[in-house]
Amino acid sequence: MIIPNTCERKFYNMTDQFNTRKTLLMRAKDPNDQLAWNEFVEYYSGFIQMLLHKMKIPQQLHDDLKQEVLLKIWKALGQYEVKQDIKFRTWLSVVIRNGILAYMRSYRKRKNRESALSEESLFNEENFEPSQVEKIIDEEWANYMVSHVVEHLRQFFSGKAIDVFLMSSKGKSTQEISDDLQIPANTVYVLRSRVKDRLLIEMKNLRQVLEF
């Protein structure tokens, strides 16, 4: 059996240790609980990185911008109430979007038009109206969740099972997968079905912690 990496061990140990889906958020709101904040960052920083790439933010700005967004989340987190009507992921999306736009506005002010033109051409605020950003966030969140779970599934499946599932998700036919991996077509069906069933279970578990 493949041993999960450090991030995966932390995530699933955390779900075993804390039995409610809101526990990490409640702990992360405590400014004195550095461990909880570190775990929070570990779960969400990858998602922020994916958004920056999708929104075509210049690569050289990613590190600073991600830190700025995380700082804004940390400052705003204490104001979020779990029982309020807005879902946490929706609230988080608004904070991330506002953080990105605020940073880019500030960036433009620091650069003169000539030196910043080539970088700014990659980022047009008008293309990121709330509805457009929400669409991007929904798409990237789904991708982020699936990629996170697929990595975790490697501890449950050995051999070519994960390869079968990933190739299938990219549109390859059963016969193409069979030929590429040199396994019988009926084995492709079985492995794909097993991985998919387990993925649905793990997606549900992950959403209980990261989405509510």
C-alpha atoms as a PDB file:
ATOM      1  CA  MET A   1       0.000   0.000   0.000  1.00  0.00           C
ATOM      2  CA  ILE A   2       1.261   3.450  -0.894  1.00  0.00           C
ATOM      3  CA  ILE A   3       1.793   5.721   2.104  1.00  0.00           C
ATOM      4  CA  PRO A   4       0.092   9.122   1.685  1.00  0.00           C
ATOM      5  CA  ASN A   5       2.263  12.212   1.687  1.00  0.00           C
ATOM      6  CA  THR A   6       2.525  14.610   4.635  1.00  0.00           C
ATOM      7  CA  CYS A   7      -0.317  16.860   3.497  1.00  0.00           C
ATOM      8  CA  GLU A   8      -2.649  13.881   3.042  1.00  0.00           C
ATOM      9  CA  ARG A   9      -1.742  12.398   6.417  1.00  0.00           C
ATOM     10  CA  LYS A  10      -2.472  15.711   8.095  1.00  0.00           C
ATOM     11  CA  PHE A  11      -5.807  16.045   6.339  1.00  0.00           C
ATOM     12  CA  TYR A  12      -7.108  12.592   7.143  1.00  0.00           C
ATOM     13  CA  ASN A  13      -5.673  12.520  10.647  1.00  0.00           C
ATOM     14  CA  MET A  14      -7.433  15.798  11.196  1.00  0.00           C
ATOM     15  CA  THR A  15     -10.778  14.400  10.052  1.00  0.00           C
ATOM     16  CA  ASP A  16     -10.352  11.466  12.411  1.00  0.00           C
ATOM     17  CA  GLN A  17      -9.371  13.642  15.349  1.00  0.00           C
ATOM     18  CA  PHE A  18     -12.049  16.318  14.882  1.00  0.00           C
ATOM     19  CA  ASN A  19     -15.497  14.978  14.212  1.00  0.00           C
ATOM     20  CA  THR A  20     -17.218  18.068  12.831  1.00  0.00           C
ATOM     21  CA  ARG A  21     -16.705  19.661   9.448  1.00  0.00           C
ATOM     22  CA  LYS A  22     -16.454  23.156  10.928  1.00  0.00           C
ATOM     23  CA  THR A  23     -13.795  22.426  13.548  1.00  0.00           C
ATOM     24  CA  LEU A  24     -10.803  23.561  11.494  1.00  0.00           C
ATOM     25  CA  LEU A  25     -12.476  26.855  10.616  1.00  0.00           C
ATOM     26  CA  MET A  26     -13.377  27.506  14.238  1.00  0.00           C
ATOM     27  CA  ARG A  27      -9.812  26.787  15.294  1.00  0.00           C
ATOM     28  CA  ALA A  28      -8.319  28.856  12.448  1.00  0.00           C
ATOM     29  CA  LYS A  29     -10.335  31.867  13.636  1.00  0.00           C
ATOM     30  CA  ASP A  30      -8.330  31.787  16.872  1.00  0.00           C
ATOM     31  CA  PRO A  31      -5.301  34.069  16.262  1.00  0.00           C
ATOM     32  CA  ASN A  32      -3.357  32.065  18.858  1.00  0.00           C
ATOM     33  CA  ASP A  33      -3.837  28.703  17.110  1.00  0.00           C
ATOM     34  CA  GLN A  34      -0.941  28.789  14.644  1.00  0.00           C
ATOM     35  CA  LEU A  35      -1.205  25.052  13.879  1.00  0.00           C
ATOM     36  CA  ALA A  36      -4.829  25.435  12.761  1.00  0.00           C
ATOM     37  CA  TRP A  37      -3.936  28.385  10.526  1.00  0.00           C
ATOM     38  CA  ASN A  38      -1.054  26.432   8.982  1.00  0.00           C
ATOM     39  CA  GLU A  39      -3.458  23.569   8.196  1.00  0.00           C
ATOM     40  CA  PHE A  40      -5.974  26.015   6.761  1.00  0.00           C
ATOM     41  CA  VAL A  41      -3.316  27.511   4.490  1.00  0.00           C
ATOM     42  CA  GLU A  42      -2.220  24.048   3.421  1.00  0.00           C
ATOM     43  CA  TYR A  43      -5.720  23.196   2.225  1.00  0.00           C
ATOM     44  CA  TYR A  44      -6.565  26.454   0.446  1.00  0.00           C
ATOM     45  CA  SER A  45      -3.291  27.920  -0.870  1.00  0.00           C
ATOM     46  CA  GLY A  46      -3.235  25.459  -3.769  1.00  0.00           C
ATOM     47  CA  PHE A  47      -6.685  26.613  -4.778  1.00  0.00           C
ATOM     48  CA  ILE A  48      -5.578  30.252  -4.749  1.00  0.00           C
ATOM     49  CA  GLN A  49      -2.589  29.338  -6.919  1.00  0.00           C
ATOM     50  CA  MET A  50      -4.869  27.639  -9.446  1.00  0.00           C
ATOM     51  CA  LEU A  51      -7.073  30.745  -9.597  1.00  0.00           C
ATOM     52  CA  LEU A  52      -4.113  33.053 -10.237  1.00  0.00           C
ATOM     53  CA  HIS A  53      -3.059  30.868 -13.138  1.00  0.00           C
ATOM     54  CA  LYS A  54      -6.598  30.662 -14.543  1.00  0.00           C
ATOM     55  CA  MET A  55      -7.040  34.438 -14.275  1.00  0.00           C
ATOM     56  CA  LYS A  56      -3.754  34.904 -16.196  1.00  0.00           C
ATOM     57  CA  ILE A  57      -2.050  36.871 -13.452  1.00  0.00           C
ATOM     58  CA  PRO A  58       1.655  37.293 -14.363  1.00  0.00           C
ATOM     59  CA  GLN A  59       3.678  34.432 -12.885  1.00  0.00           C
ATOM     60  CA  GLN A  60       6.199  36.734 -11.222  1.00  0.00           C
ATOM     61  CA  LEU A  61       3.416  38.190  -9.079  1.00  0.00           C
ATOM     62  CA  HIS A  62       2.016  34.886  -7.819  1.00  0.00           C
ATOM     63  CA  ASP A  63       4.027  34.502  -4.607  1.00  0.00           C
ATOM     64  CA  ASP A  64       3.451  38.020  -3.337  1.00  0.00           C
ATOM     65  CA  LEU A  65      -0.168  38.044  -4.419  1.00  0.00           C
ATOM     66  CA  LYS A  66      -0.924  34.698  -2.789  1.00  0.00           C
ATOM     67  CA  GLN A  67       0.578  35.911   0.487  1.00  0.00           C
ATOM     68  CA  GLU A  68      -1.451  39.120   0.258  1.00  0.00           C
ATOM     69  CA  VAL A  69      -4.682  37.182  -0.311  1.00  0.00           C
ATOM     70  CA  LEU A  70      -3.936  34.813   2.578  1.00  0.00           C
ATOM     71  CA  LEU A  71      -3.282  37.816   4.821  1.00  0.00           C
ATOM     72  CA  LYS A  72      -6.665  39.290   3.884  1.00  0.00           C
ATOM     73  CA  ILE A  73      -8.341  35.954   4.625  1.00  0.00           C
ATOM     74  CA  TRP A  74      -6.615  35.787   8.006  1.00  0.00           C
ATOM     75  CA  LYS A  75      -7.760  39.305   8.892  1.00  0.00           C
ATOM     76  CA  ALA A  76     -11.336  38.679   7.741  1.00  0.00           C
ATOM     77  CA  LEU A  77     -11.733  35.178   9.125  1.00  0.00           C
ATOM     78  CA  GLY A  78     -12.649  36.345  12.603  1.00  0.00           C
ATOM     79  CA  GLN A  79     -15.678  38.149  11.171  1.00  0.00           C
ATOM     80  CA  TYR A  80     -17.119  35.062   9.499  1.00  0.00           C
ATOM     81  CA  GLU A  81     -19.903  33.357  11.413  1.00  0.00           C
ATOM     82  CA  VAL A  82     -20.499  29.686  10.678  1.00  0.00           C
ATOM     83  CA  LYS A  83     -24.263  30.041  11.212  1.00  0.00           C
ATOM     84  CA  GLN A  84     -24.700  32.947   8.790  1.00  0.00           C
ATOM     85  CA  ASP A  85     -26.629  32.430   5.553  1.00  0.00           C
ATOM     86  CA  ILE A  86     -23.685  32.708   3.155  1.00  0.00           C
ATOM     87  CA  LYS A  87     -21.740  29.504   2.590  1.00  0.00           C
ATOM     88  CA  PHE A  88     -18.099  29.553   3.640  1.00  0.00           C
ATOM     89  CA  ARG A  89     -16.799  28.787   0.151  1.00  0.00           C
ATOM     90  CA  THR A  90     -18.865  31.664  -1.256  1.00  0.00           C
ATOM     91  CA  TRP A  91     -17.534  33.986   1.441  1.00  0.00           C
ATOM     92  CA  LEU A  92     -13.988  32.785   0.797  1.00  0.00           C
ATOM     93  CA  SER A  93     -14.385  33.349  -2.942  1.00  0.00           C
ATOM     94  CA  VAL A  94     -15.422  36.972  -2.380  1.00  0.00           C
ATOM     95  CA  VAL A  95     -12.411  37.619  -0.120  1.00  0.00           C
ATOM     96  CA  ILE A  96     -10.043  36.044  -2.656  1.00  0.00           C
ATOM     97  CA  ARG A  97     -11.486  37.995  -5.580  1.00  0.00           C
ATOM     98  CA  ASN A  98     -11.364  41.305  -3.718  1.00  0.00           C
ATOM     99  CA  GLY A  99      -7.828  40.576  -2.575  1.00  0.00           C
ATOM    100  CA  ILE A 100      -6.648  39.883  -6.118  1.00  0.00           C
ATOM    101  CA  LEU A 101      -8.279  43.005  -7.557  1.00  0.00           C
ATOM    102  CA  ALA A 102      -6.981  45.235  -4.748  1.00  0.00           C
ATOM    103  CA  TYR A 103      -3.442  43.939  -5.263  1.00  0.00           C
ATOM    104  CA  MET A 104      -3.553  44.468  -9.028  1.00  0.00           C
ATOM    105  CA  ARG A 105      -4.885  48.013  -8.645  1.00  0.00           C
ATOM    106  CA  SER A 106      -2.052  48.778  -6.247  1.00  0.00           C
ATOM    107  CA  TYR A 107       0.435  47.142  -8.593  1.00  0.00           C
ATOM    108  CA  ARG A 108      -0.667  49.346 -11.458  1.00  0.00           C
ATOM    109  CA  LYS A 109      -0.179  52.445  -9.345  1.00  0.00           C
ATOM    110  CA  ARG A 110       3.383  51.392  -8.507  1.00  0.00           C
ATOM    111  CA  LYS A 111       4.340  50.893 -12.125  1.00  0.00           C
ATOM    112  CA  ASN A 112       4.424  53.484 -14.835  1.00  0.00           C
ATOM    113  CA  ARG A 113       2.509  52.735 -17.994  1.00  0.00           C
ATOM    114  CA  GLU A 114       5.532  51.944 -20.163  1.00  0.00           C
ATOM    115  CA  SER A 115       7.169  49.408 -17.864  1.00  0.00           C
ATOM    116  CA  ALA A 116       3.950  47.698 -16.837  1.00  0.00           C
ATOM    117  CA  LEU A 117       2.219  47.509 -20.199  1.00  0.00           C
ATOM    118  CA  SER A 118       3.298  44.005 -21.147  1.00  0.00           C
ATOM    119  CA  GLU A 119       2.335  42.562 -17.758  1.00  0.00           C
ATOM    120  CA  GLU A 120      -0.934  44.434 -17.423  1.00  0.00           C
ATOM    121  CA  SER A 121      -2.071  43.253 -20.834  1.00  0.00           C
ATOM    122  CA  LEU A 122      -2.405  39.808 -19.260  1.00  0.00           C
ATOM    123  CA  PHE A 123      -4.859  41.079 -16.673  1.00  0.00           C
ATOM    124  CA  ASN A 124      -8.032  42.949 -17.543  1.00  0.00           C
ATOM    125  CA  GLU A 125     -10.235  43.694 -14.557  1.00  0.00           C
ATOM    126  CA  GLU A 126     -13.240  44.120 -16.842  1.00  0.00           C
ATOM    127  CA  ASN A 127     -13.055  40.424 -17.684  1.00  0.00           C
ATOM    128  CA  PHE A 128     -13.611  39.512 -14.040  1.00  0.00           C
ATOM    129  CA  GLU A 129     -17.103  40.618 -13.211  1.00  0.00           C
ATOM    130  CA  PRO A 130     -18.632  38.737 -10.240  1.00  0.00           C
ATOM    131  CA  SER A 131     -20.462  36.260 -12.499  1.00  0.00           C
ATOM    132  CA  GLN A 132     -17.298  35.528 -14.493  1.00  0.00           C
ATOM    133  CA  VAL A 133     -15.192  35.102 -11.376  1.00  0.00           C
ATOM    134  CA  GLU A 134     -17.800  32.830  -9.830  1.00  0.00           C
ATOM    135  CA  LYS A 135     -17.722  30.642 -12.924  1.00  0.00           C
ATOM    136  CA  ILE A 136     -13.919  30.422 -12.779  1.00  0.00           C
ATOM    137  CA  ILE A 137     -14.007  29.667  -9.065  1.00  0.00           C
ATOM    138  CA  ASP A 138     -16.592  26.911  -9.498  1.00  0.00           C
ATOM    139  CA  GLU A 139     -14.582  25.287 -12.274  1.00  0.00           C
ATOM    140  CA  GLU A 140     -11.260  25.531 -10.477  1.00  0.00           C
ATOM    141  CA  TRP A 141     -12.725  24.401  -7.167  1.00  0.00           C
ATOM    142  CA  ALA A 142     -14.051  21.242  -8.811  1.00  0.00           C
ATOM    143  CA  ASN A 143     -10.644  20.622 -10.405  1.00  0.00           C
ATOM    144  CA  TYR A 144      -8.880  21.298  -7.110  1.00  0.00           C
ATOM    145  CA  MET A 145     -11.102  18.890  -5.190  1.00  0.00           C
ATOM    146  CA  VAL A 146     -10.682  16.110  -7.733  1.00  0.00           C
ATOM    147  CA  SER A 147      -6.891  16.487  -7.934  1.00  0.00           C
ATOM    148  CA  HIS A 148      -6.634  16.496  -4.129  1.00  0.00           C
ATOM    149  CA  VAL A 149      -8.731  13.342  -3.814  1.00  0.00           C
ATOM    150  CA  VAL A 150      -6.963  11.540  -6.662  1.00  0.00           C
ATOM    151  CA  GLU A 151      -3.638  12.015  -4.892  1.00  0.00           C
ATOM    152  CA  HIS A 152      -5.153  10.603  -1.719  1.00  0.00           C
ATOM    153  CA  LEU A 153      -6.548   7.599  -3.612  1.00  0.00           C
ATOM    154  CA  ARG A 154      -3.032   6.484  -4.434  1.00  0.00           C
ATOM    155  CA  GLN A 155      -2.837   4.987  -0.952  1.00  0.00           C
ATOM    156  CA  PHE A 156      -5.813   2.728  -1.723  1.00  0.00           C
ATOM    157  CA  PHE A 157      -4.899   1.624  -5.240  1.00  0.00           C
ATOM    158  CA  SER A 158      -1.652   0.248  -6.585  1.00  0.00           C
ATOM    159  CA  GLY A 159      -0.540  -0.641 -10.065  1.00  0.00           C
ATOM    160  CA  LYS A 160      -2.371   0.953 -12.966  1.00  0.00           C
ATOM    161  CA  ALA A 161      -5.752   1.710 -11.398  1.00  0.00           C
ATOM    162  CA  ILE A 162      -5.182   5.463 -11.002  1.00  0.00           C
ATOM    163  CA  ASP A 163      -3.655   5.671 -14.487  1.00  0.00           C
ATOM    164  CA  VAL A 164      -6.781   4.042 -15.911  1.00  0.00           C
ATOM    165  CA  PHE A 165      -9.028   6.550 -14.164  1.00  0.00           C
ATOM    166  CA  LEU A 166      -6.963   9.595 -15.183  1.00  0.00           C
ATOM    167  CA  MET A 167      -6.707   8.484 -18.811  1.00  0.00           C
ATOM    168  CA  SER A 168     -10.449   7.847 -18.895  1.00  0.00           C
ATOM    169  CA  SER A 169     -11.171  11.295 -17.432  1.00  0.00           C
ATOM    170  CA  LYS A 170      -9.142  12.804 -20.290  1.00  0.00           C
ATOM    171  CA  GLY A 171     -11.433  11.175 -22.841  1.00  0.00           C
ATOM    172  CA  LYS A 172      -9.425   8.107 -23.812  1.00  0.00           C
ATOM    173  CA  SER A 173     -11.508   5.110 -24.846  1.00  0.00           C
ATOM    174  CA  THR A 174     -11.414   1.756 -23.111  1.00  0.00           C
ATOM    175  CA  GLN A 175      -9.550   0.240 -26.043  1.00  0.00           C
ATOM    176  CA  GLU A 176      -6.986   3.040 -26.111  1.00  0.00           C
ATOM    177  CA  ILE A 177      -6.335   2.617 -22.386  1.00  0.00           C
ATOM    178  CA  SER A 178      -6.108  -1.135 -22.815  1.00  0.00           C
ATOM    179  CA  ASP A 179      -3.549  -0.742 -25.587  1.00  0.00           C
ATOM    180  CA  ASP A 180      -1.507   1.939 -23.818  1.00  0.00           C
ATOM    181  CA  LEU A 181      -1.302   0.128 -20.483  1.00  0.00           C
ATOM    182  CA  GLN A 182      -1.233  -3.374 -21.976  1.00  0.00           C
ATOM    183  CA  ILE A 183      -4.083  -4.686 -19.853  1.00  0.00           C
ATOM    184  CA  PRO A 184      -7.333  -6.414 -20.915  1.00  0.00           C
ATOM    185  CA  ALA A 185     -10.328  -4.221 -21.698  1.00  0.00           C
ATOM    186  CA  ASN A 186     -12.428  -5.868 -18.972  1.00  0.00           C
ATOM    187  CA  THR A 187      -9.711  -4.950 -16.451  1.00  0.00           C
ATOM    188  CA  VAL A 188      -9.979  -1.344 -17.573  1.00  0.00           C
ATOM    189  CA  TYR A 189     -13.724  -1.411 -16.844  1.00  0.00           C
ATOM    190  CA  VAL A 190     -13.207  -2.907 -13.387  1.00  0.00           C
ATOM    191  CA  LEU A 191     -10.384  -0.580 -12.329  1.00  0.00           C
ATOM    192  CA  ARG A 192     -12.181   2.519 -13.604  1.00  0.00           C
ATOM    193  CA  SER A 193     -15.347   1.583 -11.731  1.00  0.00           C
ATOM    194  CA  ARG A 194     -13.508   0.872  -8.470  1.00  0.00           C
ATOM    195  CA  VAL A 195     -11.566   4.129  -8.537  1.00  0.00           C
ATOM    196  CA  LYS A 196     -14.675   6.132  -9.425  1.00  0.00           C
ATOM    197  CA  ASP A 197     -16.677   4.609  -6.560  1.00  0.00           C
ATOM    198  CA  ARG A 198     -13.913   5.345  -4.067  1.00  0.00           C
ATOM    199  CA  LEU A 199     -13.452   8.861  -5.458  1.00  0.00           C
ATOM    200  CA  LEU A 200     -17.118   9.692  -4.815  1.00  0.00           C
ATOM    201  CA  ILE A 201     -16.769   8.566  -1.203  1.00  0.00           C
ATOM    202  CA  GLU A 202     -13.592  10.573  -0.645  1.00  0.00           C
ATOM    203  CA  MET A 203     -15.042  13.648  -2.376  1.00  0.00           C
ATOM    204  CA  LYS A 204     -17.939  13.557   0.086  1.00  0.00           C
ATOM    205  CA  ASN A 205     -15.507  13.299   3.012  1.00  0.00           C
ATOM    206  CA  LEU A 206     -13.390  16.175   1.710  1.00  0.00           C
ATOM    207  CA  ARG A 207     -16.397  18.444   1.173  1.00  0.00           C
ATOM    208  CA  GLN A 208     -17.439  17.921   4.768  1.00  0.00           C
ATOM    209  CA  VAL A 209     -14.225  19.634   5.835  1.00  0.00           C
ATOM    210  CA  LEU A 210     -13.552  22.190   3.084  1.00  0.00           C
ATOM    211  CA  GLU A 211     -17.118  23.060   1.985  1.00  0.00           C
ATOM    212  CA  PHE A 212     -20.135  24.064   4.041  1.00  0.00           C
END
